[in-house]
Amino acid sequence: MHMITTPLGEPMKPGFAGLPIPGIEVDVVDKEGNSTRPGQGGLLVIKKPWPAMMRTVYGNDERYRKYWNQVKNYYVAGDLAVKDEDGYIMILGRSDDIIIVAGHNLGTAEVESALVEHEAVAEAAVIGVPDEIKGQAVKAFVILVKGYEPSQKLVSELIYHVRMSIGPIAMPSSIEFVDTLPRTRSGKIMRRVLKAREMNMDPGDISTLEE
């Protein structure tokens, strides 16, 4: 069931999913359940039950209850989002793909989208890495478009591009140029594999990793 859309007659905004459907009270909140200001990322929640909502997760009632018990008895959708002054919602990515930089929540998809907007970038993936000052910093893995070569100048260009697209807080602390990115057989980038390699950790179950 759709929760957010662009109502007939309302303007569409590039990058935004749209407005909540009437009867569904959607908001973007911080971890305490307080509404965020326009432009500030937070958790996408539904504040009260809605028509046609599911009643449980089959065979796992406890998992379903957790969706409602994390933040002020709101339904936590598991997505990171941001709203603008008109109430339009932009989905930034899954909340378990958040990078917390100096107390600011960044969605990995948000930074990746900014990187691939650059003409030299074919694909990108980002992870959070430990940083003594900011807690976490952004590290980017980039596949270049054919005809472009890795260089420090290009690194600087990409960092500046992210700064101008999102803001200084999202600037990658480092960029590594790669030939491939680890993916599942369905094509989803496995960021945890990248992070495990970076941190010299066990990547866990990689049975779905594309060969």
N, C-alpha and C. Protein backbone atom coordinates (compact mmCIF):
# COMPACT_ATOMS: atom_id res chain seq x y z
N MET A 1 0.84 -1.19 0.00
CA MET A 1 0.00 0.00 0.00
C MET A 1 0.87 1.24 0.00
N HIS A 2 0.56 2.20 -0.84
CA HIS A 2 1.31 3.44 -0.89
C HIS A 2 0.95 4.32 0.30
N MET A 3 1.96 4.92 0.94
CA MET A 3 1.77 5.84 2.05
C MET A 3 2.02 7.28 1.63
N ILE A 4 2.88 7.45 0.63
CA ILE A 4 3.30 8.78 0.19
C ILE A 4 3.18 8.83 -1.32
N THR A 5 2.62 9.89 -1.84
CA THR A 5 2.48 10.05 -3.28
C THR A 5 2.32 11.53 -3.60
N THR A 6 2.30 11.86 -4.87
CA THR A 6 2.02 13.24 -5.28
C THR A 6 0.55 13.32 -5.67
N PRO A 7 -0.27 14.01 -4.87
CA PRO A 7 -1.71 14.09 -5.17
C PRO A 7 -1.97 14.74 -6.52
N LEU A 8 -3.05 14.34 -7.14
CA LEU A 8 -3.44 14.90 -8.42
C LEU A 8 -3.58 16.42 -8.30
N GLY A 9 -2.92 17.12 -9.18
CA GLY A 9 -2.99 18.58 -9.18
C GLY A 9 -1.90 19.26 -8.39
N GLU A 10 -1.19 18.49 -7.55
CA GLU A 10 -0.09 19.07 -6.79
C GLU A 10 1.21 18.97 -7.60
N PRO A 11 2.12 19.92 -7.43
CA PRO A 11 3.38 19.87 -8.19
C PRO A 11 4.28 18.74 -7.73
N MET A 12 5.01 18.16 -8.66
CA MET A 12 6.01 17.15 -8.33
C MET A 12 7.33 17.85 -8.05
N LYS A 13 8.10 17.29 -7.12
CA LYS A 13 9.40 17.86 -6.78
C LYS A 13 10.47 16.80 -7.03
N PRO A 14 11.47 17.09 -7.86
CA PRO A 14 12.52 16.11 -8.14
C PRO A 14 13.17 15.58 -6.87
N GLY A 15 13.28 14.26 -6.77
CA GLY A 15 13.93 13.64 -5.63
C GLY A 15 13.01 13.34 -4.47
N PHE A 16 11.80 13.92 -4.46
CA PHE A 16 10.87 13.72 -3.35
C PHE A 16 9.82 12.67 -3.71
N ALA A 17 9.47 11.84 -2.71
CA ALA A 17 8.43 10.83 -2.93
C ALA A 17 7.05 11.46 -3.02
N GLY A 18 6.87 12.60 -2.36
CA GLY A 18 5.59 13.29 -2.41
C GLY A 18 5.07 13.61 -1.03
N LEU A 19 3.73 13.67 -0.89
CA LEU A 19 3.05 14.01 0.35
C LEU A 19 2.34 12.78 0.92
N PRO A 20 2.15 12.72 2.25
CA PRO A 20 1.40 11.60 2.82
C PRO A 20 -0.02 11.55 2.27
N ILE A 21 -0.52 10.35 2.06
CA ILE A 21 -1.90 10.16 1.61
C ILE A 21 -2.84 10.59 2.74
N PRO A 22 -3.94 11.27 2.44
CA PRO A 22 -4.90 11.67 3.48
C PRO A 22 -5.32 10.47 4.34
N GLY A 23 -5.33 10.68 5.65
CA GLY A 23 -5.69 9.62 6.58
C GLY A 23 -4.50 8.90 7.16
N ILE A 24 -3.31 9.17 6.60
CA ILE A 24 -2.08 8.55 7.11
C ILE A 24 -1.18 9.66 7.63
N GLU A 25 -0.92 9.64 8.94
CA GLU A 25 -0.16 10.70 9.59
C GLU A 25 1.33 10.35 9.61
N VAL A 26 2.03 10.84 8.61
CA VAL A 26 3.46 10.56 8.45
C VAL A 26 4.28 11.74 8.97
N ASP A 27 5.42 11.44 9.58
CA ASP A 27 6.31 12.51 10.03
C ASP A 27 7.75 12.02 9.97
N VAL A 28 8.68 12.96 10.10
CA VAL A 28 10.10 12.67 10.22
C VAL A 28 10.52 13.15 11.61
N VAL A 29 11.08 12.24 12.41
CA VAL A 29 11.37 12.56 13.81
C VAL A 29 12.80 12.16 14.17
N ASP A 30 13.27 12.71 15.31
CA ASP A 30 14.57 12.29 15.84
C ASP A 30 14.37 11.05 16.71
N LYS A 31 15.42 10.59 17.37
CA LYS A 31 15.35 9.35 18.14
C LYS A 31 14.44 9.46 19.35
N GLU A 32 14.16 10.70 19.79
CA GLU A 32 13.25 10.91 20.91
C GLU A 32 11.80 11.08 20.46
N GLY A 33 11.58 11.09 19.16
CA GLY A 33 10.23 11.23 18.64
C GLY A 33 9.81 12.65 18.36
N ASN A 34 10.75 13.60 18.44
CA ASN A 34 10.43 15.00 18.16
C ASN A 34 10.50 15.26 16.66
N SER A 35 9.54 16.01 16.13
CA SER A 35 9.54 16.34 14.71
C SER A 35 10.80 17.10 14.34
N THR A 36 11.42 16.73 13.24
CA THR A 36 12.62 17.43 12.78
C THR A 36 12.21 18.68 12.01
N ARG A 37 13.13 19.61 11.92
CA ARG A 37 12.87 20.81 11.13
C ARG A 37 13.06 20.50 9.65
N PRO A 38 12.49 21.29 8.75
CA PRO A 38 12.68 21.07 7.32
C PRO A 38 14.16 21.02 6.95
N GLY A 39 14.53 20.00 6.16
CA GLY A 39 15.91 19.85 5.74
C GLY A 39 16.76 19.01 6.66
N GLN A 40 16.22 18.64 7.83
CA GLN A 40 16.97 17.83 8.79
C GLN A 40 16.54 16.38 8.68
N GLY A 41 17.50 15.48 8.49
CA GLY A 41 17.19 14.07 8.36
C GLY A 41 16.71 13.46 9.66
N GLY A 42 15.92 12.41 9.56
CA GLY A 42 15.43 11.71 10.74
C GLY A 42 14.75 10.41 10.35
N LEU A 43 14.06 9.81 11.30
CA LEU A 43 13.37 8.55 11.08
C LEU A 43 11.98 8.79 10.51
N LEU A 44 11.62 8.05 9.48
CA LEU A 44 10.28 8.14 8.92
C LEU A 44 9.34 7.31 9.80
N VAL A 45 8.27 7.94 10.31
CA VAL A 45 7.34 7.23 11.17
C VAL A 45 5.90 7.49 10.73
N ILE A 46 5.03 6.58 11.13
CA ILE A 46 3.58 6.78 10.99
C ILE A 46 3.05 6.86 12.41
N LYS A 47 2.37 7.95 12.73
CA LYS A 47 2.07 8.26 14.13
C LYS A 47 0.89 7.49 14.71
N LYS A 48 0.03 6.95 13.89
CA LYS A 48 -1.13 6.22 14.42
C LYS A 48 -1.58 5.18 13.40
N PRO A 49 -2.35 4.19 13.83
CA PRO A 49 -2.83 3.17 12.89
C PRO A 49 -3.56 3.79 11.71
N TRP A 50 -3.53 3.07 10.59
CA TRP A 50 -4.11 3.59 9.35
C TRP A 50 -4.93 2.51 8.66
N PRO A 51 -5.81 2.90 7.75
CA PRO A 51 -6.62 1.90 7.04
C PRO A 51 -5.74 0.91 6.29
N ALA A 52 -6.12 -0.34 6.33
CA ALA A 52 -5.44 -1.43 5.61
C ALA A 52 -4.07 -1.76 6.18
N MET A 53 -3.76 -1.31 7.40
CA MET A 53 -2.47 -1.65 7.99
C MET A 53 -2.41 -3.14 8.31
N MET A 54 -1.21 -3.69 8.27
CA MET A 54 -1.05 -5.09 8.66
C MET A 54 -1.19 -5.19 10.18
N ARG A 55 -1.61 -6.35 10.66
CA ARG A 55 -1.86 -6.54 12.09
C ARG A 55 -0.69 -7.19 12.80
N THR A 56 0.17 -7.86 12.06
CA THR A 56 1.32 -8.51 12.66
C THR A 56 2.25 -8.97 11.55
N VAL A 57 3.40 -9.53 11.93
CA VAL A 57 4.28 -10.22 11.00
C VAL A 57 4.02 -11.71 11.19
N TYR A 58 3.70 -12.40 10.13
CA TYR A 58 3.31 -13.81 10.25
C TYR A 58 4.36 -14.61 11.01
N GLY A 59 3.92 -15.23 12.09
CA GLY A 59 4.80 -16.07 12.88
C GLY A 59 5.80 -15.32 13.74
N ASN A 60 5.68 -13.99 13.80
CA ASN A 60 6.66 -13.22 14.57
C ASN A 60 6.00 -11.96 15.15
N ASP A 61 5.12 -12.16 16.11
CA ASP A 61 4.41 -11.03 16.72
C ASP A 61 5.37 -10.05 17.39
N GLU A 62 6.42 -10.59 17.99
CA GLU A 62 7.37 -9.73 18.72
C GLU A 62 8.06 -8.75 17.77
N ARG A 63 8.41 -9.21 16.60
CA ARG A 63 9.04 -8.32 15.62
C ARG A 63 8.09 -7.19 15.24
N TYR A 64 6.81 -7.51 15.07
CA TYR A 64 5.83 -6.48 14.72
C TYR A 64 5.71 -5.46 15.85
N ARG A 65 5.69 -5.92 17.09
CA ARG A 65 5.57 -5.00 18.23
C ARG A 65 6.74 -4.03 18.30
N LYS A 66 7.91 -4.50 17.90
CA LYS A 66 9.09 -3.63 17.94
C LYS A 66 8.94 -2.43 17.01
N TYR A 67 8.23 -2.62 15.89
CA TYR A 67 8.02 -1.50 14.98
C TYR A 67 7.29 -0.35 15.67
N TRP A 68 6.42 -0.71 16.64
CA TRP A 68 5.61 0.30 17.32
C TRP A 68 6.23 0.79 18.63
N ASN A 69 7.23 0.09 19.14
CA ASN A 69 7.75 0.41 20.47
C ASN A 69 9.08 1.14 20.48
N GLN A 70 9.65 1.39 19.31
CA GLN A 70 10.98 2.01 19.28
C GLN A 70 10.94 3.49 19.65
N VAL A 71 9.95 4.22 19.12
CA VAL A 71 9.88 5.67 19.30
C VAL A 71 8.45 6.08 19.61
N LYS A 72 8.15 6.41 20.86
CA LYS A 72 6.86 7.00 21.26
C LYS A 72 5.63 6.26 20.75
N ASN A 73 5.71 4.96 20.61
CA ASN A 73 4.59 4.18 20.08
C ASN A 73 4.20 4.58 18.66
N TYR A 74 5.14 5.16 17.93
CA TYR A 74 4.95 5.41 16.50
C TYR A 74 5.38 4.17 15.74
N TYR A 75 4.84 4.00 14.53
CA TYR A 75 5.30 2.92 13.66
C TYR A 75 6.56 3.38 12.95
N VAL A 76 7.67 2.73 13.23
CA VAL A 76 8.95 3.09 12.63
C VAL A 76 9.13 2.27 11.36
N ALA A 77 9.13 2.95 10.23
CA ALA A 77 9.15 2.26 8.94
C ALA A 77 10.51 1.65 8.60
N GLY A 78 11.57 2.13 9.26
CA GLY A 78 12.90 1.62 8.96
C GLY A 78 13.63 2.41 7.90
N ASP A 79 13.08 3.59 7.56
CA ASP A 79 13.70 4.45 6.55
C ASP A 79 14.16 5.76 7.17
N LEU A 80 15.22 6.30 6.61
CA LEU A 80 15.69 7.64 6.95
C LEU A 80 15.13 8.59 5.90
N ALA A 81 14.59 9.72 6.35
CA ALA A 81 13.93 10.63 5.42
C ALA A 81 14.17 12.08 5.84
N VAL A 82 13.74 12.99 4.98
CA VAL A 82 13.79 14.42 5.27
C VAL A 82 12.54 15.05 4.65
N LYS A 83 12.03 16.09 5.29
CA LYS A 83 10.86 16.79 4.75
C LYS A 83 11.23 18.23 4.45
N ASP A 84 10.50 18.84 3.51
CA ASP A 84 10.76 20.25 3.21
C ASP A 84 9.67 21.13 3.84
N GLU A 85 9.71 22.42 3.55
CA GLU A 85 8.78 23.37 4.17
C GLU A 85 7.33 23.08 3.80
N ASP A 86 7.10 22.41 2.68
CA ASP A 86 5.74 22.12 2.23
C ASP A 86 5.25 20.75 2.67
N GLY A 87 6.09 20.02 3.42
CA GLY A 87 5.70 18.70 3.89
C GLY A 87 6.03 17.56 2.97
N TYR A 88 6.69 17.84 1.84
CA TYR A 88 7.10 16.78 0.92
C TYR A 88 8.20 15.93 1.58
N ILE A 89 8.12 14.63 1.35
CA ILE A 89 9.04 13.67 1.97
C ILE A 89 10.04 13.15 0.94
N MET A 90 11.33 13.17 1.32
CA MET A 90 12.38 12.55 0.51
C MET A 90 12.95 11.37 1.29
N ILE A 91 12.99 10.20 0.68
CA ILE A 91 13.57 9.02 1.31
C ILE A 91 15.07 9.02 1.08
N LEU A 92 15.84 8.95 2.18
CA LEU A 92 17.29 9.00 2.08
C LEU A 92 17.93 7.62 2.07
N GLY A 93 17.20 6.61 2.52
CA GLY A 93 17.75 5.27 2.56
C GLY A 93 17.25 4.54 3.80
N ARG A 94 17.67 3.29 3.96
CA ARG A 94 17.28 2.52 5.13
C ARG A 94 17.98 3.05 6.36
N SER A 95 17.28 3.04 7.50
CA SER A 95 17.85 3.58 8.72
C SER A 95 19.03 2.76 9.22
N ASP A 96 19.12 1.49 8.81
CA ASP A 96 20.29 0.70 9.20
C ASP A 96 21.48 0.99 8.31
N ASP A 97 21.30 1.87 7.32
CA ASP A 97 22.41 2.33 6.48
C ASP A 97 22.78 3.78 6.81
N ILE A 98 22.53 4.19 8.04
CA ILE A 98 22.83 5.55 8.47
C ILE A 98 24.31 5.66 8.83
N ILE A 99 24.92 6.76 8.45
CA ILE A 99 26.25 7.13 8.92
C ILE A 99 26.07 8.36 9.81
N ILE A 100 26.52 8.29 11.05
CA ILE A 100 26.36 9.41 11.98
C ILE A 100 27.67 10.18 12.03
N VAL A 101 27.67 11.36 11.43
CA VAL A 101 28.86 12.21 11.34
C VAL A 101 28.65 13.43 12.23
N ALA A 102 29.43 13.52 13.30
CA ALA A 102 29.34 14.65 14.23
C ALA A 102 27.90 14.89 14.68
N GLY A 103 27.18 13.79 14.94
CA GLY A 103 25.81 13.90 15.42
C GLY A 103 24.76 14.07 14.35
N HIS A 104 25.17 14.15 13.08
CA HIS A 104 24.23 14.31 11.97
C HIS A 104 23.99 12.96 11.29
N ASN A 105 22.74 12.64 11.01
CA ASN A 105 22.39 11.40 10.33
C ASN A 105 22.49 11.57 8.82
N LEU A 106 23.31 10.73 8.19
CA LEU A 106 23.43 10.74 6.73
C LEU A 106 23.02 9.38 6.19
N GLY A 107 22.18 9.38 5.17
CA GLY A 107 21.83 8.13 4.51
C GLY A 107 22.88 7.80 3.46
N THR A 108 23.29 6.55 3.42
CA THR A 108 24.30 6.16 2.42
C THR A 108 23.80 6.44 1.01
N ALA A 109 22.51 6.19 0.76
CA ALA A 109 21.95 6.41 -0.58
C ALA A 109 22.02 7.88 -0.98
N GLU A 110 21.88 8.77 0.00
CA GLU A 110 21.92 10.20 -0.27
C GLU A 110 23.29 10.61 -0.81
N VAL A 111 24.35 10.12 -0.15
CA VAL A 111 25.71 10.47 -0.57
C VAL A 111 26.04 9.78 -1.89
N GLU A 112 25.62 8.53 -2.04
CA GLU A 112 25.87 7.81 -3.29
C GLU A 112 25.19 8.50 -4.47
N SER A 113 23.98 8.97 -4.26
CA SER A 113 23.25 9.66 -5.33
C SER A 113 23.97 10.93 -5.75
N ALA A 114 24.53 11.64 -4.77
CA ALA A 114 25.28 12.86 -5.08
C ALA A 114 26.52 12.53 -5.90
N LEU A 115 27.20 11.44 -5.55
CA LEU A 115 28.41 11.07 -6.28
C LEU A 115 28.12 10.69 -7.73
N VAL A 116 27.07 9.89 -7.94
CA VAL A 116 26.80 9.43 -9.31
C VAL A 116 26.23 10.53 -10.20
N GLU A 117 25.89 11.67 -9.60
CA GLU A 117 25.49 12.82 -10.41
C GLU A 117 26.67 13.40 -11.18
N HIS A 118 27.89 13.13 -10.69
CA HIS A 118 29.09 13.64 -11.37
C HIS A 118 29.32 12.83 -12.64
N GLU A 119 29.71 13.50 -13.69
CA GLU A 119 29.84 12.85 -15.00
C GLU A 119 30.89 11.77 -15.04
N ALA A 120 31.84 11.79 -14.10
CA ALA A 120 32.92 10.80 -14.12
C ALA A 120 32.56 9.51 -13.39
N VAL A 121 31.45 9.51 -12.66
CA VAL A 121 31.13 8.38 -11.78
C VAL A 121 30.06 7.48 -12.39
N ALA A 122 30.42 6.21 -12.55
CA ALA A 122 29.45 5.22 -13.05
C ALA A 122 28.64 4.63 -11.90
N GLU A 123 29.33 4.27 -10.81
CA GLU A 123 28.68 3.69 -9.64
C GLU A 123 29.43 4.13 -8.40
N ALA A 124 28.73 4.12 -7.26
CA ALA A 124 29.38 4.50 -6.01
C ALA A 124 28.72 3.77 -4.84
N ALA A 125 29.51 3.52 -3.82
CA ALA A 125 29.00 2.98 -2.56
C ALA A 125 29.75 3.67 -1.43
N VAL A 126 29.06 3.97 -0.35
CA VAL A 126 29.71 4.63 0.78
C VAL A 126 29.45 3.86 2.06
N ILE A 127 30.39 3.97 2.99
CA ILE A 127 30.27 3.35 4.31
C ILE A 127 30.74 4.36 5.36
N GLY A 128 30.40 4.08 6.60
CA GLY A 128 30.92 4.88 7.70
C GLY A 128 32.15 4.21 8.29
N VAL A 129 33.18 4.99 8.54
CA VAL A 129 34.40 4.48 9.15
C VAL A 129 34.69 5.28 10.42
N PRO A 130 35.36 4.69 11.41
CA PRO A 130 35.62 5.40 12.66
C PRO A 130 36.44 6.67 12.44
N ASP A 131 36.09 7.71 13.19
CA ASP A 131 36.81 8.98 13.14
C ASP A 131 36.93 9.51 14.56
N GLU A 132 38.15 9.85 14.98
CA GLU A 132 38.38 10.26 16.36
C GLU A 132 37.64 11.53 16.73
N ILE A 133 37.43 12.41 15.78
CA ILE A 133 36.79 13.70 16.07
C ILE A 133 35.29 13.64 15.84
N LYS A 134 34.86 13.09 14.70
CA LYS A 134 33.45 13.13 14.32
C LYS A 134 32.67 11.87 14.66
N GLY A 135 33.34 10.88 15.23
CA GLY A 135 32.66 9.61 15.52
C GLY A 135 32.71 8.68 14.33
N GLN A 136 32.14 9.14 13.22
CA GLN A 136 32.23 8.42 11.95
C GLN A 136 32.53 9.40 10.84
N ALA A 137 33.18 8.89 9.81
CA ALA A 137 33.43 9.68 8.60
C ALA A 137 32.95 8.87 7.40
N VAL A 138 32.76 9.55 6.30
CA VAL A 138 32.28 8.90 5.08
C VAL A 138 33.46 8.44 4.23
N LYS A 139 33.46 7.17 3.87
CA LYS A 139 34.42 6.67 2.88
C LYS A 139 33.63 6.21 1.66
N ALA A 140 34.09 6.62 0.48
CA ALA A 140 33.39 6.29 -0.76
C ALA A 140 34.23 5.35 -1.63
N PHE A 141 33.55 4.40 -2.25
CA PHE A 141 34.15 3.52 -3.25
C PHE A 141 33.50 3.86 -4.58
N VAL A 142 34.31 4.18 -5.57
CA VAL A 142 33.80 4.73 -6.82
C VAL A 142 34.29 3.94 -8.03
N ILE A 143 33.37 3.59 -8.92
CA ILE A 143 33.71 3.05 -10.23
C ILE A 143 33.58 4.18 -11.24
N LEU A 144 34.63 4.41 -11.99
CA LEU A 144 34.64 5.53 -12.93
C LEU A 144 34.04 5.14 -14.29
N VAL A 145 33.48 6.13 -14.94
CA VAL A 145 33.01 5.98 -16.31
C VAL A 145 34.22 5.74 -17.21
N LYS A 146 34.06 4.90 -18.21
CA LYS A 146 35.15 4.62 -19.15
C LYS A 146 35.68 5.92 -19.75
N GLY A 147 36.99 6.05 -19.73
CA GLY A 147 37.61 7.27 -20.26
C GLY A 147 38.15 8.18 -19.18
N TYR A 148 37.72 7.95 -17.93
CA TYR A 148 38.22 8.74 -16.80
C TYR A 148 39.25 7.92 -16.03
N GLU A 149 40.27 8.59 -15.53
CA GLU A 149 41.33 7.93 -14.79
C GLU A 149 41.38 8.48 -13.36
N PRO A 150 41.72 7.61 -12.39
CA PRO A 150 41.84 8.09 -11.01
C PRO A 150 42.92 9.16 -10.89
N SER A 151 42.67 10.16 -10.10
CA SER A 151 43.65 11.21 -9.84
C SER A 151 43.24 11.96 -8.58
N GLN A 152 44.21 12.62 -7.97
CA GLN A 152 43.91 13.42 -6.78
C GLN A 152 43.00 14.59 -7.14
N LYS A 153 43.17 15.12 -8.34
CA LYS A 153 42.31 16.21 -8.79
C LYS A 153 40.85 15.76 -8.85
N LEU A 154 40.63 14.54 -9.35
CA LEU A 154 39.26 14.02 -9.44
C LEU A 154 38.70 13.77 -8.04
N VAL A 155 39.53 13.28 -7.14
CA VAL A 155 39.09 13.10 -5.75
C VAL A 155 38.58 14.42 -5.18
N SER A 156 39.36 15.48 -5.38
CA SER A 156 38.97 16.80 -4.88
C SER A 156 37.67 17.28 -5.53
N GLU A 157 37.52 17.01 -6.82
CA GLU A 157 36.30 17.40 -7.53
C GLU A 157 35.07 16.69 -6.95
N LEU A 158 35.21 15.40 -6.69
CA LEU A 158 34.09 14.63 -6.18
C LEU A 158 33.71 15.06 -4.76
N ILE A 159 34.72 15.32 -3.94
CA ILE A 159 34.44 15.79 -2.58
C ILE A 159 33.71 17.13 -2.63
N TYR A 160 34.17 18.01 -3.50
CA TYR A 160 33.53 19.32 -3.64
C TYR A 160 32.10 19.17 -4.17
N HIS A 161 31.92 18.23 -5.08
CA HIS A 161 30.59 18.00 -5.66
C HIS A 161 29.60 17.56 -4.58
N VAL A 162 30.03 16.66 -3.69
CA VAL A 162 29.17 16.23 -2.59
C VAL A 162 28.88 17.39 -1.65
N ARG A 163 29.90 18.19 -1.38
CA ARG A 163 29.71 19.36 -0.51
C ARG A 163 28.63 20.28 -1.06
N MET A 164 28.67 20.54 -2.36
CA MET A 164 27.72 21.46 -2.96
C MET A 164 26.33 20.83 -3.08
N SER A 165 26.26 19.50 -3.22
CA SER A 165 24.98 18.82 -3.37
C SER A 165 24.25 18.64 -2.04
N ILE A 166 24.99 18.29 -0.99
CA ILE A 166 24.38 17.98 0.30
C ILE A 166 24.80 18.95 1.40
N GLY A 167 26.10 19.22 1.46
CA GLY A 167 26.62 20.10 2.50
C GLY A 167 27.95 19.59 3.02
N PRO A 168 28.67 20.42 3.76
CA PRO A 168 30.00 20.03 4.25
C PRO A 168 30.00 18.76 5.09
N ILE A 169 28.92 18.52 5.83
CA ILE A 169 28.89 17.37 6.73
C ILE A 169 28.98 16.05 5.98
N ALA A 170 28.59 16.04 4.70
CA ALA A 170 28.54 14.79 3.92
C ALA A 170 29.80 14.54 3.11
N MET A 171 30.77 15.44 3.17
CA MET A 171 31.98 15.29 2.36
C MET A 171 32.74 14.01 2.73
N PRO A 172 33.05 13.15 1.74
CA PRO A 172 33.85 11.96 2.04
C PRO A 172 35.22 12.34 2.58
N SER A 173 35.67 11.60 3.57
CA SER A 173 37.02 11.82 4.09
C SER A 173 38.05 11.15 3.19
N SER A 174 37.60 10.13 2.45
CA SER A 174 38.49 9.46 1.49
C SER A 174 37.65 8.82 0.40
N ILE A 175 38.26 8.70 -0.77
CA ILE A 175 37.61 8.07 -1.91
C ILE A 175 38.56 7.03 -2.50
N GLU A 176 38.07 5.82 -2.66
CA GLU A 176 38.86 4.74 -3.25
C GLU A 176 38.24 4.36 -4.59
N PHE A 177 39.05 4.40 -5.63
CA PHE A 177 38.57 4.01 -6.95
C PHE A 177 38.71 2.49 -7.11
N VAL A 178 37.63 1.85 -7.53
CA VAL A 178 37.61 0.39 -7.64
C VAL A 178 37.06 -0.02 -9.01
N ASP A 179 37.30 -1.27 -9.37
CA ASP A 179 36.79 -1.79 -10.64
C ASP A 179 35.41 -2.42 -10.50
N THR A 180 35.14 -2.97 -9.30
CA THR A 180 33.86 -3.62 -9.05
C THR A 180 33.41 -3.33 -7.62
N LEU A 181 32.12 -3.57 -7.38
CA LEU A 181 31.56 -3.46 -6.04
C LEU A 181 30.89 -4.80 -5.69
N PRO A 182 31.01 -5.25 -4.44
CA PRO A 182 30.37 -6.52 -4.06
C PRO A 182 28.85 -6.39 -4.11
N ARG A 183 28.21 -7.35 -4.76
CA ARG A 183 26.75 -7.30 -4.93
C ARG A 183 26.13 -8.66 -4.62
N THR A 184 24.86 -8.60 -4.27
CA THR A 184 24.09 -9.84 -4.19
C THR A 184 23.75 -10.28 -5.61
N ARG A 185 23.24 -11.48 -5.74
CA ARG A 185 22.86 -11.97 -7.07
C ARG A 185 21.73 -11.15 -7.68
N SER A 186 20.98 -10.46 -6.83
CA SER A 186 19.91 -9.60 -7.34
C SER A 186 20.39 -8.19 -7.67
N GLY A 187 21.70 -7.93 -7.44
CA GLY A 187 22.27 -6.65 -7.85
C GLY A 187 22.42 -5.62 -6.75
N LYS A 188 22.02 -5.95 -5.52
CA LYS A 188 22.13 -4.99 -4.42
C LYS A 188 23.56 -4.92 -3.91
N ILE A 189 24.07 -3.69 -3.74
CA ILE A 189 25.43 -3.51 -3.23
C ILE A 189 25.50 -3.97 -1.78
N MET A 190 26.50 -4.78 -1.46
CA MET A 190 26.68 -5.28 -0.09
C MET A 190 27.68 -4.39 0.64
N ARG A 191 27.17 -3.33 1.24
CA ARG A 191 28.04 -2.37 1.94
C ARG A 191 28.75 -3.00 3.12
N ARG A 192 28.08 -3.97 3.76
CA ARG A 192 28.72 -4.59 4.93
C ARG A 192 29.97 -5.35 4.54
N VAL A 193 30.02 -5.85 3.31
CA VAL A 193 31.23 -6.52 2.84
C VAL A 193 32.35 -5.50 2.67
N LEU A 194 32.02 -4.34 2.11
CA LEU A 194 33.01 -3.27 1.98
C LEU A 194 33.52 -2.84 3.34
N LYS A 195 32.59 -2.71 4.29
CA LYS A 195 32.98 -2.27 5.63
C LYS A 195 33.85 -3.32 6.32
N ALA A 196 33.49 -4.59 6.14
CA ALA A 196 34.28 -5.66 6.74
C ALA A 196 35.70 -5.68 6.19
N ARG A 197 35.83 -5.46 4.89
CA ARG A 197 37.17 -5.41 4.28
C ARG A 197 37.95 -4.22 4.83
N GLU A 198 37.27 -3.09 4.94
CA GLU A 198 37.93 -1.87 5.42
C GLU A 198 38.39 -2.02 6.87
N MET A 199 37.56 -2.68 7.69
CA MET A 199 37.84 -2.80 9.12
C MET A 199 38.54 -4.11 9.47
N ASN A 200 38.85 -4.91 8.45
CA ASN A 200 39.48 -6.22 8.66
C ASN A 200 38.64 -7.08 9.59
N MET A 201 37.34 -7.16 9.27
CA MET A 201 36.39 -7.91 10.08
C MET A 201 35.77 -9.04 9.26
N ASP A 202 35.10 -9.95 9.97
CA ASP A 202 34.36 -11.02 9.31
C ASP A 202 33.12 -10.42 8.64
N PRO A 203 32.92 -10.64 7.34
CA PRO A 203 31.76 -10.06 6.66
C PRO A 203 30.45 -10.78 6.96
N GLY A 204 30.52 -11.90 7.69
CA GLY A 204 29.30 -12.64 7.98
C GLY A 204 28.86 -13.49 6.79
N ASP A 205 27.58 -13.74 6.71
CA ASP A 205 27.02 -14.59 5.66
C ASP A 205 27.16 -13.92 4.30
N ILE A 206 27.89 -14.55 3.40
CA ILE A 206 28.05 -14.00 2.05
C ILE A 206 27.55 -15.00 1.01
N SER A 207 26.59 -15.83 1.42
CA SER A 207 26.07 -16.85 0.51
C SER A 207 25.33 -16.23 -0.68
N THR A 208 24.85 -14.99 -0.50
CA THR A 208 24.14 -14.33 -1.61
C THR A 208 25.06 -13.48 -2.47
N LEU A 209 26.35 -13.46 -2.14
CA LEU A 209 27.31 -12.64 -2.88
C LEU A 209 27.44 -13.13 -4.32
N GLU A 210 27.36 -12.19 -5.24
CA GLU A 210 27.50 -12.52 -6.66
C GLU A 210 28.91 -13.03 -6.92
N GLU A 211 29.02 -14.09 -7.69
CA GLU A 211 30.33 -14.68 -7.97
C GLU A 211 31.00 -13.96 -9.13
